[in-house]
Amino acid sequence: MGIIFLWMNELKFKTMMCLICGWMYDEEQGAPDEGLAPGTRWEDVPMNWTCPECGARKDDFEMVEI
């Protein structure tokens, strides 16, 4: 049961929020204008990617529950 729960939890899309300006990245929607296709997982976003609103680094984002 525990393994199934972990597997199902991995399938859920996450939403990440910039701690500097509050811009939200939703994995399910992606950010096509920023070169991130819908379904792009946060771990697959390049390390040199920056927030389109304020230029913050990827390290300045945290997962949020919505």
PDB file of N, CA and C in Angstrom:
ATOM      1  N   MET A   1       0.826  -1.201   0.000  1.00  0.00           N
ATOM      2  CA  MET A   1       0.000   0.000   0.000  1.00  0.00           C
ATOM      3  C   MET A   1       0.862   1.254   0.000  1.00  0.00           C
ATOM      4  N   GLY A   2       1.936   1.282   0.789  1.00  0.00           N
ATOM      5  CA  GLY A   2       2.802   2.446   0.880  1.00  0.00           C
ATOM      6  C   GLY A   2       3.458   2.783  -0.445  1.00  0.00           C
ATOM      7  N   ILE A   3       3.880   1.753  -1.188  1.00  0.00           N
ATOM      8  CA  ILE A   3       4.525   1.982  -2.480  1.00  0.00           C
ATOM      9  C   ILE A   3       3.525   2.560  -3.467  1.00  0.00           C
ATOM     10  N   ILE A   4       2.305   2.078  -3.474  1.00  0.00           N
ATOM     11  CA  ILE A   4       1.274   2.602  -4.379  1.00  0.00           C
ATOM     12  C   ILE A   4       0.994   4.060  -4.061  1.00  0.00           C
ATOM     13  N   PHE A   5       0.908   4.414  -2.787  1.00  0.00           N
ATOM     14  CA  PHE A   5       0.669   5.805  -2.396  1.00  0.00           C
ATOM     15  C   PHE A   5       1.805   6.698  -2.895  1.00  0.00           C
ATOM     16  N   LEU A   6       3.050   6.269  -2.701  1.00  0.00           N
ATOM     17  CA  LEU A   6       4.195   7.050  -3.158  1.00  0.00           C
ATOM     18  C   LEU A   6       4.161   7.218  -4.672  1.00  0.00           C
ATOM     19  N   TRP A   7       3.829   6.163  -5.405  1.00  0.00           N
ATOM     20  CA  TRP A   7       3.754   6.219  -6.858  1.00  0.00           C
ATOM     21  C   TRP A   7       2.670   7.197  -7.305  1.00  0.00           C
ATOM     22  N   MET A   8       1.499   7.142  -6.681  1.00  0.00           N
ATOM     23  CA  MET A   8       0.402   8.039  -7.045  1.00  0.00           C
ATOM     24  C   MET A   8       0.760   9.485  -6.705  1.00  0.00           C
ATOM     25  N   ASN A   9       1.460   9.689  -5.599  1.00  0.00           N
ATOM     26  CA  ASN A   9       1.865  11.026  -5.200  1.00  0.00           C
ATOM     27  C   ASN A   9       2.846  11.612  -6.213  1.00  0.00           C
ATOM     28  N   GLU A  10       3.702  10.778  -6.802  1.00  0.00           N
ATOM     29  CA  GLU A  10       4.652  11.223  -7.814  1.00  0.00           C
ATOM     30  C   GLU A  10       3.929  11.700  -9.073  1.00  0.00           C
ATOM     31  N   LEU A  11       2.749  11.166  -9.360  1.00  0.00           N
ATOM     32  CA  LEU A  11       2.014  11.518 -10.569  1.00  0.00           C
ATOM     33  C   LEU A  11       1.325  12.871 -10.461  1.00  0.00           C
ATOM     34  N   LYS A  12       1.076  13.334  -9.255  1.00  0.00           N
ATOM     35  CA  LYS A  12       0.383  14.608  -9.066  1.00  0.00           C
ATOM     36  C   LYS A  12       1.271  15.758  -9.514  1.00  0.00           C
ATOM     37  N   PHE A  13       0.658  16.708 -10.213  1.00  0.00           N
ATOM     38  CA  PHE A  13       1.400  17.894 -10.616  1.00  0.00           C
ATOM     39  C   PHE A  13       1.564  18.826  -9.421  1.00  0.00           C
ATOM     40  N   LYS A  14       2.685  19.554  -9.397  1.00  0.00           N
ATOM     41  CA  LYS A  14       2.980  20.488  -8.317  1.00  0.00           C
ATOM     42  C   LYS A  14       2.855  21.921  -8.826  1.00  0.00           C
ATOM     43  N   THR A  15       2.703  22.826  -7.895  1.00  0.00           N
ATOM     44  CA  THR A  15       2.723  24.253  -8.196  1.00  0.00           C
ATOM     45  C   THR A  15       3.843  24.860  -7.366  1.00  0.00           C
ATOM     46  N   MET A  16       4.685  25.623  -8.036  1.00  0.00           N
ATOM     47  CA  MET A  16       5.821  26.264  -7.378  1.00  0.00           C
ATOM     48  C   MET A  16       5.584  27.765  -7.386  1.00  0.00           C
ATOM     49  N   MET A  17       5.982  28.432  -6.291  1.00  0.00           N
ATOM     50  CA  MET A  17       5.788  29.871  -6.182  1.00  0.00           C
ATOM     51  C   MET A  17       7.121  30.562  -5.955  1.00  0.00           C
ATOM     52  N   CYS A  18       7.324  31.662  -6.680  1.00  0.00           N
ATOM     53  CA  CYS A  18       8.519  32.470  -6.488  1.00  0.00           C
ATOM     54  C   CYS A  18       8.400  33.182  -5.142  1.00  0.00           C
ATOM     55  N   LEU A  19       9.408  33.025  -4.295  1.00  0.00           N
ATOM     56  CA  LEU A  19       9.380  33.651  -2.977  1.00  0.00           C
ATOM     57  C   LEU A  19       9.646  35.151  -3.044  1.00  0.00           C
ATOM     58  N   ILE A  20      10.147  35.624  -4.161  1.00  0.00           N
ATOM     59  CA  ILE A  20      10.459  37.041  -4.314  1.00  0.00           C
ATOM     60  C   ILE A  20       9.222  37.837  -4.745  1.00  0.00           C
ATOM     61  N   CYS A  21       8.527  37.348  -5.800  1.00  0.00           N
ATOM     62  CA  CYS A  21       7.415  38.143  -6.348  1.00  0.00           C
ATOM     63  C   CYS A  21       6.055  37.445  -6.314  1.00  0.00           C
ATOM     64  N   GLY A  22       6.034  36.136  -6.017  1.00  0.00           N
ATOM     65  CA  GLY A  22       4.761  35.420  -5.941  1.00  0.00           C
ATOM     66  C   GLY A  22       4.296  34.795  -7.245  1.00  0.00           C
ATOM     67  N   TRP A  23       5.088  34.895  -8.324  1.00  0.00           N
ATOM     68  CA  TRP A  23       4.708  34.275  -9.603  1.00  0.00           C
ATOM     69  C   TRP A  23       4.603  32.771  -9.406  1.00  0.00           C
ATOM     70  N   MET A  24       3.593  32.144 -10.012  1.00  0.00           N
ATOM     71  CA  MET A  24       3.336  30.719  -9.818  1.00  0.00           C
ATOM     72  C   MET A  24       3.659  29.931 -11.080  1.00  0.00           C
ATOM     73  N   TYR A  25       4.321  28.792 -10.882  1.00  0.00           N
ATOM     74  CA  TYR A  25       4.565  27.845 -11.968  1.00  0.00           C
ATOM     75  C   TYR A  25       3.778  26.585 -11.674  1.00  0.00           C
ATOM     76  N   ASP A  26       2.850  26.252 -12.558  1.00  0.00           N
ATOM     77  CA  ASP A  26       2.016  25.061 -12.437  1.00  0.00           C
ATOM     78  C   ASP A  26       2.545  24.028 -13.435  1.00  0.00           C
ATOM     79  N   GLU A  27       3.015  22.888 -12.931  1.00  0.00           N
ATOM     80  CA  GLU A  27       3.576  21.864 -13.813  1.00  0.00           C
ATOM     81  C   GLU A  27       2.580  21.420 -14.883  1.00  0.00           C
ATOM     82  N   GLU A  28       1.325  21.305 -14.521  1.00  0.00           N
ATOM     83  CA  GLU A  28       0.317  20.831 -15.466  1.00  0.00           C
ATOM     84  C   GLU A  28       0.154  21.805 -16.637  1.00  0.00           C
ATOM     85  N   GLN A  29       0.149  23.100 -16.340  1.00  0.00           N
ATOM     86  CA  GLN A  29      -0.038  24.115 -17.378  1.00  0.00           C
ATOM     87  C   GLN A  29       1.270  24.494 -18.065  1.00  0.00           C
ATOM     88  N   GLY A  30       2.390  24.307 -17.368  1.00  0.00           N
ATOM     89  CA  GLY A  30       3.672  24.738 -17.904  1.00  0.00           C
ATOM     90  C   GLY A  30       3.717  26.253 -17.992  1.00  0.00           C
ATOM     91  N   ALA A  31       4.632  26.747 -18.791  1.00  0.00           N
ATOM     92  CA  ALA A  31       4.751  28.184 -19.056  1.00  0.00           C
ATOM     93  C   ALA A  31       5.233  28.322 -20.500  1.00  0.00           C
ATOM     94  N   PRO A  32       4.329  28.049 -21.453  1.00  0.00           N
ATOM     95  CA  PRO A  32       4.726  28.041 -22.869  1.00  0.00           C
ATOM     96  C   PRO A  32       5.428  29.320 -23.331  1.00  0.00           C
ATOM     97  N   ASP A  33       5.017  30.464 -22.818  1.00  0.00           N
ATOM     98  CA  ASP A  33       5.665  31.722 -23.204  1.00  0.00           C
ATOM     99  C   ASP A  33       7.112  31.788 -22.711  1.00  0.00           C
ATOM    100  N   GLU A  34       7.434  30.950 -21.731  1.00  0.00           N
ATOM    101  CA  GLU A  34       8.782  30.915 -21.163  1.00  0.00           C
ATOM    102  C   GLU A  34       9.562  29.690 -21.642  1.00  0.00           C
ATOM    103  N   GLY A  35       8.993  28.951 -22.607  1.00  0.00           N
ATOM    104  CA  GLY A  35       9.671  27.781 -23.157  1.00  0.00           C
ATOM    105  C   GLY A  35       9.468  26.498 -22.380  1.00  0.00           C
ATOM    106  N   LEU A  36       8.476  26.477 -21.460  1.00  0.00           N
ATOM    107  CA  LEU A  36       8.204  25.283 -20.656  1.00  0.00           C
ATOM    108  C   LEU A  36       6.843  24.713 -21.060  1.00  0.00           C
ATOM    109  N   ALA A  37       6.873  23.592 -21.758  1.00  0.00           N
ATOM    110  CA  ALA A  37       5.653  22.963 -22.267  1.00  0.00           C
ATOM    111  C   ALA A  37       4.764  22.474 -21.129  1.00  0.00           C
ATOM    112  N   PRO A  38       3.446  22.419 -21.356  1.00  0.00           N
ATOM    113  CA  PRO A  38       2.556  21.834 -20.349  1.00  0.00           C
ATOM    114  C   PRO A  38       3.039  20.436 -19.963  1.00  0.00           C
ATOM    115  N   GLY A  39       2.995  20.144 -18.672  1.00  0.00           N
ATOM    116  CA  GLY A  39       3.436  18.848 -18.174  1.00  0.00           C
ATOM    117  C   GLY A  39       4.909  18.810 -17.787  1.00  0.00           C
ATOM    118  N   THR A  40       5.634  19.918 -17.973  1.00  0.00           N
ATOM    119  CA  THR A  40       7.047  19.949 -17.599  1.00  0.00           C
ATOM    120  C   THR A  40       7.175  19.953 -16.076  1.00  0.00           C
ATOM    121  N   ARG A  41       7.808  18.917 -15.557  1.00  0.00           N
ATOM    122  CA  ARG A  41       8.009  18.793 -14.110  1.00  0.00           C
ATOM    123  C   ARG A  41       9.060  19.793 -13.650  1.00  0.00           C
ATOM    124  N   TRP A  42       8.920  20.255 -12.428  1.00  0.00           N
ATOM    125  CA  TRP A  42       9.836  21.257 -11.879  1.00  0.00           C
ATOM    126  C   TRP A  42      11.283  20.775 -11.947  1.00  0.00           C
ATOM    127  N   GLU A  43      11.494  19.486 -11.666  1.00  0.00           N
ATOM    128  CA  GLU A  43      12.861  18.961 -11.704  1.00  0.00           C
ATOM    129  C   GLU A  43      13.456  18.981 -13.108  1.00  0.00           C
ATOM    130  N   ASP A  44      12.597  19.096 -14.135  1.00  0.00           N
ATOM    131  CA  ASP A  44      13.067  19.155 -15.520  1.00  0.00           C
ATOM    132  C   ASP A  44      13.266  20.580 -16.023  1.00  0.00           C
ATOM    133  N   VAL A  45      12.891  21.564 -15.216  1.00  0.00           N
ATOM    134  CA  VAL A  45      13.130  22.968 -15.574  1.00  0.00           C
ATOM    135  C   VAL A  45      14.636  23.214 -15.422  1.00  0.00           C
ATOM    136  N   PRO A  46      15.284  23.786 -16.443  1.00  0.00           N
ATOM    137  CA  PRO A  46      16.739  23.990 -16.364  1.00  0.00           C
ATOM    138  C   PRO A  46      17.157  24.828 -15.148  1.00  0.00           C
ATOM    139  N   MET A  47      18.322  24.525 -14.606  1.00  0.00           N
ATOM    140  CA  MET A  47      18.820  25.237 -13.427  1.00  0.00           C
ATOM    141  C   MET A  47      19.062  26.720 -13.713  1.00  0.00           C
ATOM    142  N   ASN A  48      19.333  27.071 -14.965  1.00  0.00           N
ATOM    143  CA  ASN A  48      19.599  28.477 -15.296  1.00  0.00           C
ATOM    144  C   ASN A  48      18.330  29.255 -15.644  1.00  0.00           C
ATOM    145  N   TRP A  49      17.160  28.607 -15.527  1.00  0.00           N
ATOM    146  CA  TRP A  49      15.879  29.273 -15.788  1.00  0.00           C
ATOM    147  C   TRP A  49      15.640  30.308 -14.692  1.00  0.00           C
ATOM    148  N   THR A  50      15.020  31.428 -15.075  1.00  0.00           N
ATOM    149  CA  THR A  50      14.715  32.464 -14.087  1.00  0.00           C
ATOM    150  C   THR A  50      13.248  32.854 -14.159  1.00  0.00           C
ATOM    151  N   CYS A  51      12.737  33.393 -13.079  1.00  0.00           N
ATOM    152  CA  CYS A  51      11.355  33.834 -12.985  1.00  0.00           C
ATOM    153  C   CYS A  51      11.089  34.901 -14.050  1.00  0.00           C
ATOM    154  N   PRO A  52      10.017  34.744 -14.817  1.00  0.00           N
ATOM    155  CA  PRO A  52       9.717  35.718 -15.870  1.00  0.00           C
ATOM    156  C   PRO A  52       9.272  37.076 -15.333  1.00  0.00           C
ATOM    157  N   GLU A  53       8.867  37.141 -14.090  1.00  0.00           N
ATOM    158  CA  GLU A  53       8.404  38.410 -13.517  1.00  0.00           C
ATOM    159  C   GLU A  53       9.526  39.219 -12.875  1.00  0.00           C
ATOM    160  N   CYS A  54      10.416  38.533 -12.135  1.00  0.00           N
ATOM    161  CA  CYS A  54      11.418  39.285 -11.368  1.00  0.00           C
ATOM    162  C   CYS A  54      12.859  38.842 -11.602  1.00  0.00           C
ATOM    163  N   GLY A  55      13.051  37.757 -12.360  1.00  0.00           N
ATOM    164  CA  GLY A  55      14.407  37.293 -12.641  1.00  0.00           C
ATOM    165  C   GLY A  55      15.025  36.441 -11.548  1.00  0.00           C
ATOM    166  N   ALA A  56      14.229  36.052 -10.542  1.00  0.00           N
ATOM    167  CA  ALA A  56      14.752  35.210  -9.460  1.00  0.00           C
ATOM    168  C   ALA A  56      15.167  33.850 -10.010  1.00  0.00           C
ATOM    169  N   ARG A  57      16.124  33.231  -9.342  1.00  0.00           N
ATOM    170  CA  ARG A  57      16.605  31.916  -9.742  1.00  0.00           C
ATOM    171  C   ARG A  57      15.621  30.823  -9.333  1.00  0.00           C
ATOM    172  N   LYS A  58      15.795  29.668  -9.920  1.00  0.00           N
ATOM    173  CA  LYS A  58      14.955  28.504  -9.601  1.00  0.00           C
ATOM    174  C   LYS A  58      15.021  28.175  -8.107  1.00  0.00           C
ATOM    175  N   ASP A  59      16.164  28.415  -7.477  1.00  0.00           N
ATOM    176  CA  ASP A  59      16.326  28.150  -6.035  1.00  0.00           C
ATOM    177  C   ASP A  59      15.411  29.018  -5.178  1.00  0.00           C
ATOM    178  N   ASP A  60      14.882  30.101  -5.742  1.00  0.00           N
ATOM    179  CA  ASP A  60      14.023  31.021  -4.996  1.00  0.00           C
ATOM    180  C   ASP A  60      12.544  30.644  -5.077  1.00  0.00           C
ATOM    181  N   PHE A  61      12.247  29.421  -5.500  1.00  0.00           N
ATOM    182  CA  PHE A  61      10.874  28.921  -5.588  1.00  0.00           C
ATOM    183  C   PHE A  61      10.648  27.845  -4.543  1.00  0.00           C
ATOM    184  N   GLU A  62       9.404  27.754  -4.053  1.00  0.00           N
ATOM    185  CA  GLU A  62       8.996  26.692  -3.133  1.00  0.00           C
ATOM    186  C   GLU A  62       7.665  26.117  -3.591  1.00  0.00           C
ATOM    187  N   MET A  63       7.458  24.827  -3.289  1.00  0.00           N
ATOM    188  CA  MET A  63       6.191  24.199  -3.631  1.00  0.00           C
ATOM    189  C   MET A  63       5.088  24.733  -2.733  1.00  0.00           C
ATOM    190  N   VAL A  64       3.910  24.971  -3.322  1.00  0.00           N
ATOM    191  CA  VAL A  64       2.753  25.420  -2.557  1.00  0.00           C
ATOM    192  C   VAL A  64       1.583  24.479  -2.815  1.00  0.00           C
ATOM    193  N   GLU A  65       0.762  24.296  -1.816  1.00  0.00           N
ATOM    194  CA  GLU A  65      -0.461  23.501  -1.942  1.00  0.00           C
ATOM    195  C   GLU A  65      -1.595  24.425  -2.353  1.00  0.00           C
ATOM    196  N   ILE A  66      -2.326  24.031  -3.373  1.00  0.00           N
ATOM    197  CA  ILE A  66      -3.458  24.836  -3.822  1.00  0.00           C
ATOM    198  C   ILE A  66      -4.704  23.979  -3.807  1.00  0.00           C
TER     199      ILE A  66
END
